[in-house]
């Protein structure tokens, strides 16, 4: 089998360096690119078409879950391995819904990262024991409970805008980042606040933290 090509996405250079060191213990693993935010990761994957992208959940501009959704849609042949500091049922469920098929805790990266990438390279899922429990419990089938969750009332574009606004971006900066008009950005912002019944940027920021768009 030819080399397994990998893109690493994490907003901390020291973490990317550590992940690279772990992965390069395998001679058949080739790191073809590094990204410091989710939007950059999406662009790299689109241009490089790696076998696997190893991606942190908490990244600026576009978090790992939203980046995973875009990558799975545009490059279905690339497997997404999510790295996180947290092992919560909510995050696992959202990771699965985003299309990622690998889930590794950062604390276990030294032990699990290489076998996880190796497994995903074969287009097989790799889950922590907790994530496997969620899959077996049929979390994705609980449609009635999920329908009422606020995050799921937002479109993919609205979720992107929530993160950018919560990071302190102005309407003009949001428009520039997403290549839309300021008027369109303002309309999205108004719709988001109405859908979520929020009344200030502070409310929006608290929502973004609670729903893992950004880290507190």
N, C-alpha and C. Protein backbone atom coordinates (compact mmCIF):
# COMPACT_ATOMS: atom_id res chain seq x y z
N UNK A 1 0.84 -1.19 0.00
CA UNK A 1 0.00 0.00 0.00
C UNK A 1 0.88 1.25 0.00
N UNK A 2 0.57 2.27 -0.81
CA UNK A 2 1.36 3.49 -0.82
C UNK A 2 1.24 4.24 0.49
N UNK A 3 2.06 5.29 0.63
CA UNK A 3 2.05 6.07 1.86
C UNK A 3 0.66 6.61 2.18
N UNK A 4 0.36 6.70 3.47
CA UNK A 4 -0.88 7.32 3.94
C UNK A 4 -0.63 8.81 4.10
N UNK A 5 -1.33 9.63 3.33
CA UNK A 5 -1.12 11.08 3.39
C UNK A 5 -2.06 11.68 4.43
N UNK A 6 -1.51 12.63 5.20
CA UNK A 6 -2.22 13.17 6.37
C UNK A 6 -2.10 14.68 6.42
N UNK A 7 -3.20 15.35 6.74
CA UNK A 7 -3.19 16.77 7.08
C UNK A 7 -3.48 16.90 8.57
N UNK A 8 -2.72 17.72 9.25
CA UNK A 8 -2.91 17.98 10.69
C UNK A 8 -3.50 19.38 10.85
N UNK A 9 -4.57 19.49 11.64
CA UNK A 9 -5.20 20.79 11.87
C UNK A 9 -5.38 21.03 13.37
N UNK A 10 -4.65 22.01 13.87
CA UNK A 10 -4.76 22.42 15.28
C UNK A 10 -4.23 23.84 15.36
N UNK A 11 -4.86 24.67 16.21
CA UNK A 11 -4.45 26.07 16.26
C UNK A 11 -3.21 26.31 17.10
N UNK A 12 -2.66 25.27 17.73
CA UNK A 12 -1.44 25.42 18.52
C UNK A 12 -0.28 24.73 17.82
N UNK A 13 0.73 25.52 17.51
CA UNK A 13 1.88 24.96 16.77
C UNK A 13 2.54 23.83 17.53
N UNK A 14 2.65 23.98 18.85
CA UNK A 14 3.33 22.95 19.65
C UNK A 14 2.57 21.63 19.60
N UNK A 15 1.23 21.71 19.52
CA UNK A 15 0.42 20.49 19.40
C UNK A 15 0.62 19.86 18.03
N UNK A 16 0.61 20.68 16.98
CA UNK A 16 0.84 20.14 15.64
C UNK A 16 2.20 19.45 15.56
N UNK A 17 3.19 20.07 16.19
CA UNK A 17 4.53 19.49 16.17
C UNK A 17 4.54 18.14 16.89
N UNK A 18 3.83 18.07 18.01
CA UNK A 18 3.76 16.82 18.76
C UNK A 18 3.04 15.72 17.98
N UNK A 19 1.95 16.09 17.32
CA UNK A 19 1.21 15.12 16.52
C UNK A 19 2.06 14.62 15.36
N UNK A 20 2.77 15.55 14.74
CA UNK A 20 3.66 15.16 13.63
C UNK A 20 4.71 14.16 14.11
N UNK A 21 5.29 14.43 15.27
CA UNK A 21 6.32 13.54 15.82
C UNK A 21 5.77 12.14 16.05
N UNK A 22 4.56 12.06 16.62
CA UNK A 22 3.94 10.76 16.87
C UNK A 22 3.66 10.03 15.56
N UNK A 23 3.08 10.74 14.60
CA UNK A 23 2.69 10.11 13.35
C UNK A 23 3.90 9.67 12.52
N UNK A 24 4.97 10.44 12.59
CA UNK A 24 6.14 10.12 11.77
C UNK A 24 6.95 8.95 12.31
N UNK A 25 6.48 8.34 13.39
CA UNK A 25 7.12 7.09 13.82
C UNK A 25 6.81 5.97 12.83
N UNK A 26 5.80 6.19 12.01
CA UNK A 26 5.46 5.24 10.95
C UNK A 26 6.05 5.72 9.62
N UNK A 27 6.88 4.92 9.02
CA UNK A 27 7.54 5.31 7.78
C UNK A 27 6.56 5.47 6.63
N UNK A 28 5.41 4.79 6.72
CA UNK A 28 4.44 4.87 5.62
C UNK A 28 3.41 5.98 5.83
N UNK A 29 3.60 6.83 6.85
CA UNK A 29 2.74 7.99 7.07
C UNK A 29 3.45 9.24 6.55
N UNK A 30 2.78 10.02 5.75
CA UNK A 30 3.37 11.25 5.20
C UNK A 30 2.49 12.45 5.53
N UNK A 31 3.05 13.41 6.29
CA UNK A 31 2.33 14.64 6.62
C UNK A 31 2.47 15.58 5.43
N UNK A 32 1.35 15.86 4.75
CA UNK A 32 1.42 16.67 3.54
C UNK A 32 0.98 18.12 3.77
N UNK A 33 0.45 18.43 4.95
CA UNK A 33 0.04 19.80 5.21
C UNK A 33 -0.36 20.00 6.66
N UNK A 34 -0.29 21.26 7.12
CA UNK A 34 -0.72 21.64 8.46
C UNK A 34 -1.60 22.88 8.37
N UNK A 35 -2.62 22.91 9.20
CA UNK A 35 -3.54 24.05 9.23
C UNK A 35 -3.70 24.53 10.67
N UNK A 36 -3.87 25.85 10.82
CA UNK A 36 -4.00 26.43 12.16
C UNK A 36 -5.44 26.82 12.49
N UNK A 37 -6.36 26.66 11.52
CA UNK A 37 -7.78 26.89 11.81
C UNK A 37 -8.62 26.02 10.87
N UNK A 38 -9.91 25.94 11.18
CA UNK A 38 -10.77 25.06 10.42
C UNK A 38 -10.92 25.43 8.96
N UNK A 39 -10.99 26.72 8.69
CA UNK A 39 -11.16 27.16 7.30
C UNK A 39 -9.93 26.80 6.47
N UNK A 40 -8.77 26.98 7.05
CA UNK A 40 -7.53 26.61 6.35
C UNK A 40 -7.48 25.09 6.13
N UNK A 41 -7.97 24.33 7.10
CA UNK A 41 -7.98 22.88 6.97
C UNK A 41 -8.85 22.44 5.79
N UNK A 42 -10.01 23.06 5.66
CA UNK A 42 -10.91 22.72 4.55
C UNK A 42 -10.21 22.99 3.21
N UNK A 43 -9.57 24.14 3.09
CA UNK A 43 -8.89 24.49 1.84
C UNK A 43 -7.75 23.52 1.54
N UNK A 44 -6.98 23.15 2.58
CA UNK A 44 -5.87 22.23 2.37
C UNK A 44 -6.36 20.87 1.90
N UNK A 45 -7.42 20.38 2.53
CA UNK A 45 -7.96 19.08 2.14
C UNK A 45 -8.48 19.12 0.71
N UNK A 46 -9.13 20.21 0.36
CA UNK A 46 -9.65 20.32 -1.01
C UNK A 46 -8.54 20.33 -2.04
N UNK A 47 -7.39 20.91 -1.69
CA UNK A 47 -6.29 20.99 -2.66
C UNK A 47 -5.37 19.77 -2.63
N UNK A 48 -5.25 19.11 -1.46
CA UNK A 48 -4.29 18.02 -1.33
C UNK A 48 -4.94 16.63 -1.36
N UNK A 49 -6.24 16.55 -1.07
CA UNK A 49 -6.96 15.26 -1.03
C UNK A 49 -6.21 14.19 -0.22
N UNK A 50 -5.90 14.47 1.05
CA UNK A 50 -5.19 13.46 1.86
C UNK A 50 -6.10 12.28 2.18
N UNK A 51 -5.48 11.19 2.60
CA UNK A 51 -6.27 10.04 3.03
C UNK A 51 -6.99 10.35 4.34
N UNK A 52 -6.30 11.06 5.26
CA UNK A 52 -6.85 11.33 6.59
C UNK A 52 -6.53 12.76 7.00
N UNK A 53 -7.48 13.43 7.64
CA UNK A 53 -7.20 14.71 8.27
C UNK A 53 -7.41 14.53 9.78
N UNK A 54 -6.37 14.87 10.54
CA UNK A 54 -6.41 14.80 12.00
C UNK A 54 -6.71 16.20 12.51
N UNK A 55 -7.85 16.38 13.17
CA UNK A 55 -8.36 17.73 13.39
C UNK A 55 -8.87 17.95 14.81
N UNK A 56 -8.40 19.03 15.42
CA UNK A 56 -8.90 19.45 16.72
C UNK A 56 -10.32 19.97 16.57
N UNK A 57 -11.12 19.83 17.60
CA UNK A 57 -12.48 20.38 17.56
C UNK A 57 -12.46 21.89 17.75
N UNK A 58 -11.68 22.36 18.71
CA UNK A 58 -11.68 23.78 19.07
C UNK A 58 -10.63 24.54 18.26
N UNK A 59 -11.07 25.17 17.18
CA UNK A 59 -10.18 25.98 16.36
C UNK A 59 -10.87 27.29 16.00
N UNK A 60 -10.10 28.35 15.78
CA UNK A 60 -10.70 29.64 15.42
C UNK A 60 -11.25 29.65 14.00
N UNK A 61 -12.13 30.62 13.74
CA UNK A 61 -12.74 30.88 12.43
C UNK A 61 -13.74 29.82 12.00
N UNK A 62 -13.36 28.54 12.13
CA UNK A 62 -14.27 27.45 11.80
C UNK A 62 -13.87 26.27 12.68
N UNK A 63 -14.76 25.85 13.58
CA UNK A 63 -14.39 24.77 14.49
C UNK A 63 -14.32 23.43 13.76
N UNK A 64 -13.76 22.44 14.44
CA UNK A 64 -13.52 21.16 13.80
C UNK A 64 -14.76 20.44 13.32
N UNK A 65 -15.87 20.59 14.05
CA UNK A 65 -17.10 19.93 13.64
C UNK A 65 -17.64 20.50 12.34
N UNK A 66 -17.65 21.83 12.24
CA UNK A 66 -18.14 22.46 11.00
C UNK A 66 -17.18 22.19 9.85
N UNK A 67 -15.88 22.21 10.14
CA UNK A 67 -14.89 21.89 9.11
C UNK A 67 -15.07 20.45 8.63
N UNK A 68 -15.35 19.54 9.55
CA UNK A 68 -15.56 18.14 9.18
C UNK A 68 -16.75 18.01 8.23
N UNK A 69 -17.83 18.72 8.51
CA UNK A 69 -19.02 18.67 7.64
C UNK A 69 -18.66 19.08 6.21
N UNK A 70 -17.88 20.16 6.09
CA UNK A 70 -17.51 20.65 4.77
C UNK A 70 -16.57 19.69 4.06
N UNK A 71 -15.64 19.11 4.82
CA UNK A 71 -14.67 18.19 4.21
C UNK A 71 -15.36 16.92 3.72
N UNK A 72 -16.24 16.37 4.55
CA UNK A 72 -16.95 15.14 4.16
C UNK A 72 -17.80 15.39 2.92
N UNK A 73 -18.36 16.58 2.81
CA UNK A 73 -19.19 16.90 1.65
C UNK A 73 -18.35 17.08 0.39
N UNK A 74 -17.22 17.78 0.51
CA UNK A 74 -16.43 18.09 -0.69
C UNK A 74 -15.42 17.01 -1.04
N UNK A 75 -14.93 16.28 -0.03
CA UNK A 75 -13.93 15.23 -0.26
C UNK A 75 -14.32 13.96 0.50
N UNK A 76 -15.33 13.26 0.03
CA UNK A 76 -15.81 12.07 0.76
C UNK A 76 -14.77 10.96 0.89
N UNK A 77 -13.72 11.01 0.08
CA UNK A 77 -12.67 10.00 0.19
C UNK A 77 -11.70 10.26 1.32
N UNK A 78 -11.73 11.45 1.89
CA UNK A 78 -10.85 11.79 3.02
C UNK A 78 -11.55 11.46 4.32
N UNK A 79 -10.90 10.68 5.16
CA UNK A 79 -11.46 10.34 6.47
C UNK A 79 -11.08 11.41 7.49
N UNK A 80 -12.01 11.73 8.37
CA UNK A 80 -11.78 12.77 9.39
C UNK A 80 -11.61 12.12 10.76
N UNK A 81 -10.47 12.40 11.39
CA UNK A 81 -10.20 11.95 12.75
C UNK A 81 -10.24 13.16 13.67
N UNK A 82 -11.19 13.17 14.58
CA UNK A 82 -11.37 14.30 15.49
C UNK A 82 -10.55 14.09 16.76
N UNK A 83 -9.83 15.15 17.15
CA UNK A 83 -9.11 15.17 18.42
C UNK A 83 -9.83 16.11 19.37
N UNK A 84 -9.96 15.71 20.62
CA UNK A 84 -10.63 16.57 21.58
C UNK A 84 -10.09 16.32 22.98
N UNK A 85 -10.23 17.32 23.85
CA UNK A 85 -9.88 17.16 25.25
C UNK A 85 -11.03 16.55 26.03
N UNK A 86 -12.23 16.51 25.42
CA UNK A 86 -13.43 16.12 26.15
C UNK A 86 -14.06 14.86 25.55
N UNK A 87 -14.66 14.06 26.40
CA UNK A 87 -15.37 12.88 25.95
C UNK A 87 -16.81 12.97 26.45
N UNK A 88 -17.62 13.72 25.74
CA UNK A 88 -19.02 13.88 26.13
C UNK A 88 -19.92 13.26 25.07
N UNK A 89 -21.08 12.79 25.50
CA UNK A 89 -22.01 12.18 24.56
C UNK A 89 -22.45 13.17 23.49
N UNK A 90 -22.62 14.44 23.88
CA UNK A 90 -23.04 15.45 22.92
C UNK A 90 -22.02 15.63 21.82
N UNK A 91 -20.74 15.74 22.20
CA UNK A 91 -19.68 15.92 21.21
C UNK A 91 -19.56 14.70 20.30
N UNK A 92 -19.66 13.53 20.89
CA UNK A 92 -19.56 12.30 20.09
C UNK A 92 -20.69 12.25 19.07
N UNK A 93 -21.90 12.57 19.51
CA UNK A 93 -23.04 12.55 18.60
C UNK A 93 -22.85 13.55 17.46
N UNK A 94 -22.40 14.76 17.81
CA UNK A 94 -22.21 15.78 16.77
C UNK A 94 -21.07 15.39 15.83
N UNK A 95 -20.04 14.75 16.37
CA UNK A 95 -18.94 14.30 15.52
C UNK A 95 -19.43 13.28 14.49
N UNK A 96 -20.27 12.35 14.95
CA UNK A 96 -20.81 11.35 14.04
C UNK A 96 -21.71 11.99 12.99
N UNK A 97 -22.53 12.93 13.42
CA UNK A 97 -23.43 13.59 12.48
C UNK A 97 -22.66 14.42 11.45
N UNK A 98 -21.49 14.94 11.86
CA UNK A 98 -20.66 15.72 10.95
C UNK A 98 -20.00 14.84 9.90
N UNK A 99 -19.96 13.53 10.15
CA UNK A 99 -19.37 12.62 9.17
C UNK A 99 -17.98 12.13 9.53
N UNK A 100 -17.44 12.61 10.66
CA UNK A 100 -16.14 12.10 11.10
C UNK A 100 -16.31 10.66 11.57
N UNK A 101 -15.29 9.83 11.32
CA UNK A 101 -15.41 8.42 11.69
C UNK A 101 -14.30 7.99 12.64
N UNK A 102 -13.59 8.98 13.19
CA UNK A 102 -12.57 8.69 14.18
C UNK A 102 -12.63 9.70 15.31
N UNK A 103 -12.40 9.24 16.54
CA UNK A 103 -12.53 10.10 17.73
C UNK A 103 -11.47 9.68 18.72
N UNK A 104 -10.52 10.59 18.99
CA UNK A 104 -9.42 10.28 19.91
C UNK A 104 -9.27 11.43 20.90
N UNK A 105 -9.13 11.09 22.17
CA UNK A 105 -8.85 12.10 23.18
C UNK A 105 -7.39 12.54 23.08
N UNK A 106 -7.15 13.83 23.26
CA UNK A 106 -5.77 14.32 23.19
C UNK A 106 -4.89 13.63 24.23
N UNK A 107 -5.47 13.31 25.38
CA UNK A 107 -4.70 12.66 26.43
C UNK A 107 -4.25 11.25 26.03
N UNK A 108 -4.93 10.67 25.04
CA UNK A 108 -4.60 9.31 24.59
C UNK A 108 -3.86 9.30 23.25
N UNK A 109 -3.49 10.48 22.76
CA UNK A 109 -2.92 10.56 21.41
C UNK A 109 -1.65 9.74 21.25
N UNK A 110 -0.79 9.75 22.24
CA UNK A 110 0.46 8.99 22.14
C UNK A 110 0.17 7.51 21.88
N UNK A 111 -0.89 6.99 22.49
CA UNK A 111 -1.18 5.56 22.40
C UNK A 111 -2.13 5.23 21.26
N UNK A 112 -3.08 6.12 20.96
CA UNK A 112 -4.14 5.77 20.02
C UNK A 112 -4.06 6.43 18.65
N UNK A 113 -3.24 7.46 18.51
CA UNK A 113 -3.25 8.22 17.26
C UNK A 113 -2.83 7.37 16.06
N UNK A 114 -1.73 6.67 16.17
CA UNK A 114 -1.23 5.87 15.04
C UNK A 114 -2.23 4.76 14.66
N UNK A 115 -2.71 3.95 15.61
CA UNK A 115 -3.70 2.94 15.21
C UNK A 115 -5.00 3.55 14.67
N UNK A 116 -5.36 4.74 15.17
CA UNK A 116 -6.58 5.39 14.67
C UNK A 116 -6.43 5.78 13.21
N UNK A 117 -5.31 6.40 12.86
CA UNK A 117 -5.06 6.79 11.47
C UNK A 117 -4.96 5.55 10.59
N UNK A 118 -4.29 4.52 11.08
CA UNK A 118 -4.15 3.28 10.32
C UNK A 118 -5.52 2.66 10.03
N UNK A 119 -6.41 2.72 11.01
CA UNK A 119 -7.75 2.15 10.84
C UNK A 119 -8.57 2.97 9.86
N UNK A 120 -8.53 4.29 9.99
CA UNK A 120 -9.29 5.15 9.09
C UNK A 120 -8.77 5.04 7.67
N UNK A 121 -7.47 4.83 7.50
CA UNK A 121 -6.90 4.68 6.16
C UNK A 121 -7.55 3.53 5.42
N UNK A 122 -8.01 2.54 6.17
CA UNK A 122 -8.69 1.38 5.58
C UNK A 122 -10.20 1.62 5.49
N UNK A 123 -10.60 2.87 5.73
CA UNK A 123 -12.02 3.28 5.69
C UNK A 123 -12.87 2.50 6.69
N UNK A 124 -12.27 2.29 7.85
CA UNK A 124 -12.99 1.69 8.97
C UNK A 124 -13.01 2.70 10.13
N UNK A 125 -14.07 2.74 10.92
CA UNK A 125 -14.16 3.71 12.01
C UNK A 125 -13.25 3.35 13.19
N UNK A 126 -12.84 4.37 13.91
CA UNK A 126 -12.05 4.17 15.13
C UNK A 126 -12.64 5.05 16.22
N UNK A 127 -13.23 4.42 17.23
CA UNK A 127 -13.86 5.16 18.32
C UNK A 127 -13.24 4.78 19.66
N UNK A 128 -13.24 5.73 20.59
CA UNK A 128 -12.91 5.40 21.96
C UNK A 128 -14.04 4.51 22.49
N UNK A 129 -13.82 3.80 23.60
CA UNK A 129 -14.90 2.97 24.16
C UNK A 129 -16.19 3.75 24.41
N UNK A 130 -16.07 4.99 24.89
CA UNK A 130 -17.26 5.79 25.17
C UNK A 130 -18.01 6.10 23.87
N UNK A 131 -17.27 6.44 22.82
CA UNK A 131 -17.91 6.74 21.54
C UNK A 131 -18.60 5.49 20.99
N UNK A 132 -17.99 4.33 21.18
CA UNK A 132 -18.61 3.09 20.72
C UNK A 132 -19.93 2.84 21.44
N UNK A 133 -19.97 3.16 22.73
CA UNK A 133 -21.21 3.00 23.50
C UNK A 133 -22.32 3.87 22.91
N UNK A 134 -21.95 5.10 22.55
CA UNK A 134 -22.94 6.02 21.99
C UNK A 134 -23.50 5.46 20.69
N UNK A 135 -22.61 4.92 19.85
CA UNK A 135 -23.05 4.35 18.59
C UNK A 135 -24.00 3.17 18.84
N UNK A 136 -23.61 2.29 19.75
CA UNK A 136 -24.41 1.11 20.04
C UNK A 136 -25.76 1.47 20.67
N UNK A 137 -25.78 2.55 21.42
CA UNK A 137 -27.03 2.98 22.05
C UNK A 137 -27.98 3.66 21.08
N UNK A 138 -27.52 3.82 19.83
CA UNK A 138 -28.39 4.39 18.80
C UNK A 138 -28.66 5.86 18.98
N UNK A 139 -27.65 6.61 19.37
CA UNK A 139 -27.85 8.04 19.60
C UNK A 139 -28.37 8.75 18.36
N UNK A 140 -27.91 8.31 17.20
CA UNK A 140 -28.31 9.00 15.98
C UNK A 140 -29.77 8.76 15.64
N UNK A 141 -30.40 7.79 16.28
CA UNK A 141 -31.79 7.51 15.99
C UNK A 141 -32.77 8.27 16.87
N UNK A 142 -32.28 9.06 17.81
CA UNK A 142 -33.17 9.75 18.74
C UNK A 142 -33.65 11.06 18.13
N UNK A 143 -34.39 10.96 17.04
CA UNK A 143 -34.77 12.14 16.27
C UNK A 143 -35.65 13.10 17.06
N UNK A 144 -36.55 12.57 17.85
CA UNK A 144 -37.48 13.43 18.56
C UNK A 144 -36.75 14.33 19.55
N UNK A 145 -35.78 13.74 20.27
CA UNK A 145 -35.05 14.53 21.26
C UNK A 145 -34.16 15.56 20.60
N UNK A 146 -33.56 15.19 19.47
CA UNK A 146 -32.62 16.09 18.81
C UNK A 146 -33.32 17.25 18.13
N UNK A 147 -34.57 17.04 17.71
CA UNK A 147 -35.24 18.06 16.92
C UNK A 147 -35.35 19.38 17.65
N UNK A 148 -35.47 19.31 18.98
CA UNK A 148 -35.67 20.54 19.73
C UNK A 148 -34.39 21.24 20.13
N UNK A 149 -33.22 20.66 19.86
CA UNK A 149 -31.98 21.28 20.32
C UNK A 149 -31.67 22.51 19.48
N UNK A 150 -31.37 23.63 20.13
CA UNK A 150 -31.18 24.91 19.42
C UNK A 150 -30.16 24.85 18.29
N UNK A 151 -29.03 24.17 18.51
CA UNK A 151 -27.98 24.15 17.49
C UNK A 151 -28.50 23.58 16.18
N UNK A 152 -29.43 22.63 16.27
CA UNK A 152 -29.92 21.97 15.06
C UNK A 152 -30.96 22.78 14.32
N UNK A 153 -31.33 23.91 14.88
CA UNK A 153 -32.23 24.80 14.16
C UNK A 153 -31.45 25.72 13.22
N UNK A 154 -30.13 25.71 13.33
CA UNK A 154 -29.29 26.58 12.52
C UNK A 154 -28.82 25.86 11.26
N UNK A 155 -28.69 26.61 10.17
CA UNK A 155 -28.11 26.07 8.94
C UNK A 155 -26.59 26.01 9.09
N UNK A 156 -25.89 25.26 8.23
CA UNK A 156 -24.43 25.24 8.29
C UNK A 156 -23.82 26.64 8.20
N UNK A 157 -24.35 27.49 7.33
CA UNK A 157 -23.81 28.85 7.20
C UNK A 157 -24.05 29.65 8.48
N UNK A 158 -25.23 29.46 9.09
CA UNK A 158 -25.52 30.18 10.33
C UNK A 158 -24.59 29.72 11.46
N UNK A 159 -24.24 28.44 11.48
CA UNK A 159 -23.31 27.95 12.51
C UNK A 159 -21.94 28.58 12.33
N UNK A 160 -21.51 28.73 11.08
CA UNK A 160 -20.24 29.42 10.82
C UNK A 160 -20.28 30.84 11.37
N UNK A 161 -21.39 31.53 11.10
CA UNK A 161 -21.52 32.93 11.50
C UNK A 161 -21.57 33.06 13.03
N UNK A 162 -22.25 32.12 13.69
CA UNK A 162 -22.27 32.14 15.16
C UNK A 162 -20.86 32.12 15.71
N UNK A 163 -20.02 31.23 15.17
CA UNK A 163 -18.65 31.14 15.68
C UNK A 163 -17.90 32.45 15.45
N UNK A 164 -18.00 33.00 14.25
CA UNK A 164 -17.27 34.23 13.94
C UNK A 164 -17.73 35.39 14.81
N UNK A 165 -19.04 35.51 15.01
CA UNK A 165 -19.55 36.59 15.86
C UNK A 165 -19.12 36.40 17.31
N UNK A 166 -19.15 35.16 17.78
CA UNK A 166 -18.74 34.88 19.16
C UNK A 166 -17.26 35.13 19.37
N UNK A 167 -16.48 35.05 18.29
CA UNK A 167 -15.04 35.36 18.38
C UNK A 167 -14.78 36.86 18.30
N UNK A 168 -15.86 37.65 18.21
CA UNK A 168 -15.70 39.10 18.23
C UNK A 168 -15.63 39.75 16.87
N UNK A 169 -15.92 39.01 15.81
CA UNK A 169 -15.88 39.58 14.46
C UNK A 169 -17.08 40.51 14.24
N UNK A 170 -16.84 41.60 13.51
CA UNK A 170 -17.92 42.51 13.14
C UNK A 170 -18.67 41.94 11.93
N UNK A 171 -19.80 42.55 11.59
CA UNK A 171 -20.54 42.11 10.41
C UNK A 171 -19.66 42.21 9.17
N UNK A 172 -18.87 43.27 9.08
CA UNK A 172 -17.99 43.47 7.93
C UNK A 172 -16.93 42.37 7.86
N UNK A 173 -16.38 42.01 9.02
CA UNK A 173 -15.35 40.96 9.06
C UNK A 173 -15.95 39.60 8.74
N UNK A 174 -17.17 39.35 9.21
CA UNK A 174 -17.87 38.10 8.87
C UNK A 174 -18.09 38.02 7.36
N UNK A 175 -18.55 39.12 6.79
CA UNK A 175 -18.80 39.16 5.35
C UNK A 175 -17.52 38.87 4.57
N UNK A 176 -16.41 39.47 5.01
CA UNK A 176 -15.14 39.27 4.33
C UNK A 176 -14.67 37.82 4.43
N UNK A 177 -14.81 37.23 5.62
CA UNK A 177 -14.35 35.85 5.84
C UNK A 177 -15.14 34.85 5.00
N UNK A 178 -16.43 35.12 4.81
CA UNK A 178 -17.30 34.17 4.12
C UNK A 178 -17.59 34.56 2.67
N UNK A 179 -16.99 35.68 2.23
CA UNK A 179 -17.17 36.17 0.86
C UNK A 179 -18.65 36.41 0.54
N UNK A 180 -19.32 37.10 1.47
CA UNK A 180 -20.71 37.49 1.26
C UNK A 180 -20.80 38.99 1.50
N UNK A 181 -21.93 39.58 1.16
CA UNK A 181 -22.09 41.03 1.37
C UNK A 181 -22.37 41.31 2.84
N UNK A 182 -22.08 42.54 3.24
CA UNK A 182 -22.34 42.95 4.63
C UNK A 182 -23.84 42.84 4.92
N UNK A 183 -24.65 43.19 3.94
CA UNK A 183 -26.09 43.10 4.11
C UNK A 183 -26.53 41.66 4.39
N UNK A 184 -25.96 40.71 3.66
CA UNK A 184 -26.29 39.30 3.87
C UNK A 184 -25.84 38.85 5.26
N UNK A 185 -24.66 39.30 5.67
CA UNK A 185 -24.16 38.96 7.01
C UNK A 185 -25.10 39.50 8.08
N UNK A 186 -25.58 40.71 7.89
CA UNK A 186 -26.50 41.32 8.85
C UNK A 186 -27.82 40.54 8.90
N UNK A 187 -28.30 40.12 7.74
CA UNK A 187 -29.54 39.34 7.69
C UNK A 187 -29.39 38.01 8.42
N UNK A 188 -28.26 37.34 8.18
CA UNK A 188 -27.99 36.08 8.89
C UNK A 188 -27.96 36.31 10.39
N UNK A 189 -27.30 37.38 10.80
CA UNK A 189 -27.19 37.67 12.24
C UNK A 189 -28.58 37.87 12.85
N UNK A 190 -29.42 38.62 12.18
CA UNK A 190 -30.78 38.86 12.66
C UNK A 190 -31.56 37.56 12.77
N UNK A 191 -31.46 36.71 11.75
CA UNK A 191 -32.17 35.43 11.75
C UNK A 191 -31.68 34.51 12.87
N UNK A 192 -30.37 34.53 13.10
CA UNK A 192 -29.79 33.69 14.16
C UNK A 192 -30.32 34.11 15.52
N UNK A 193 -30.30 35.40 15.78
CA UNK A 193 -30.76 35.92 17.08
C UNK A 193 -32.24 35.58 17.29
N UNK A 194 -33.01 35.65 16.22
CA UNK A 194 -34.44 35.33 16.32
C UNK A 194 -34.65 33.84 16.57
N UNK A 195 -33.95 33.00 15.81
CA UNK A 195 -34.10 31.56 15.96
C UNK A 195 -33.74 31.09 17.37
N UNK A 196 -32.70 31.68 17.91
CA UNK A 196 -32.20 31.23 19.21
C UNK A 196 -32.77 32.03 20.38
N UNK A 197 -33.60 33.03 20.06
CA UNK A 197 -34.19 33.90 21.08
C UNK A 197 -33.10 34.55 21.94
N UNK A 198 -32.10 35.11 21.26
CA UNK A 198 -31.00 35.80 21.92
C UNK A 198 -31.13 37.30 21.65
N UNK A 199 -30.58 38.10 22.57
CA UNK A 199 -30.83 39.54 22.47
C UNK A 199 -29.55 40.39 22.49
N UNK A 200 -28.40 39.75 22.57
CA UNK A 200 -27.15 40.51 22.58
C UNK A 200 -26.01 39.60 22.15
N UNK A 201 -24.88 40.23 21.83
CA UNK A 201 -23.69 39.45 21.46
C UNK A 201 -23.22 38.63 22.66
N UNK A 202 -23.40 39.14 23.86
CA UNK A 202 -23.02 38.39 25.06
C UNK A 202 -23.84 37.10 25.17
N UNK A 203 -25.15 37.21 24.88
CA UNK A 203 -25.99 36.01 24.87
C UNK A 203 -25.49 35.02 23.83
N UNK A 204 -25.14 35.54 22.66
CA UNK A 204 -24.67 34.68 21.56
C UNK A 204 -23.36 33.99 21.95
N UNK A 205 -22.48 34.73 22.60
CA UNK A 205 -21.19 34.17 23.01
C UNK A 205 -21.39 33.06 24.03
N UNK A 206 -22.30 33.27 24.98
CA UNK A 206 -22.58 32.22 25.97
C UNK A 206 -23.15 30.98 25.29
N UNK A 207 -24.03 31.19 24.31
CA UNK A 207 -24.59 30.07 23.55
C UNK A 207 -23.46 29.32 22.83
N UNK A 208 -22.54 30.06 22.22
CA UNK A 208 -21.44 29.45 21.46
C UNK A 208 -20.54 28.62 22.37
N UNK A 209 -20.30 29.08 23.58
CA UNK A 209 -19.47 28.34 24.52
C UNK A 209 -20.20 27.07 24.97
N UNK A 210 -21.48 27.20 25.32
CA UNK A 210 -22.25 26.04 25.79
C UNK A 210 -22.35 24.97 24.72
N UNK A 211 -22.37 25.37 23.46
CA UNK A 211 -22.57 24.41 22.37
C UNK A 211 -21.30 24.08 21.60
N UNK A 212 -20.16 24.42 22.21
CA UNK A 212 -18.86 23.99 21.70
C UNK A 212 -18.46 24.60 20.36
N UNK A 213 -19.02 25.78 20.03
CA UNK A 213 -18.53 26.49 18.86
C UNK A 213 -17.15 27.07 19.15
N UNK A 214 -16.99 27.56 20.38
CA UNK A 214 -15.71 28.13 20.81
C UNK A 214 -15.41 27.63 22.20
N UNK A 215 -14.14 27.75 22.61
CA UNK A 215 -13.74 27.43 23.96
C UNK A 215 -13.96 28.64 24.85
N UNK A 216 -14.33 28.44 26.13
CA UNK A 216 -14.50 29.59 27.02
C UNK A 216 -13.17 30.28 27.29
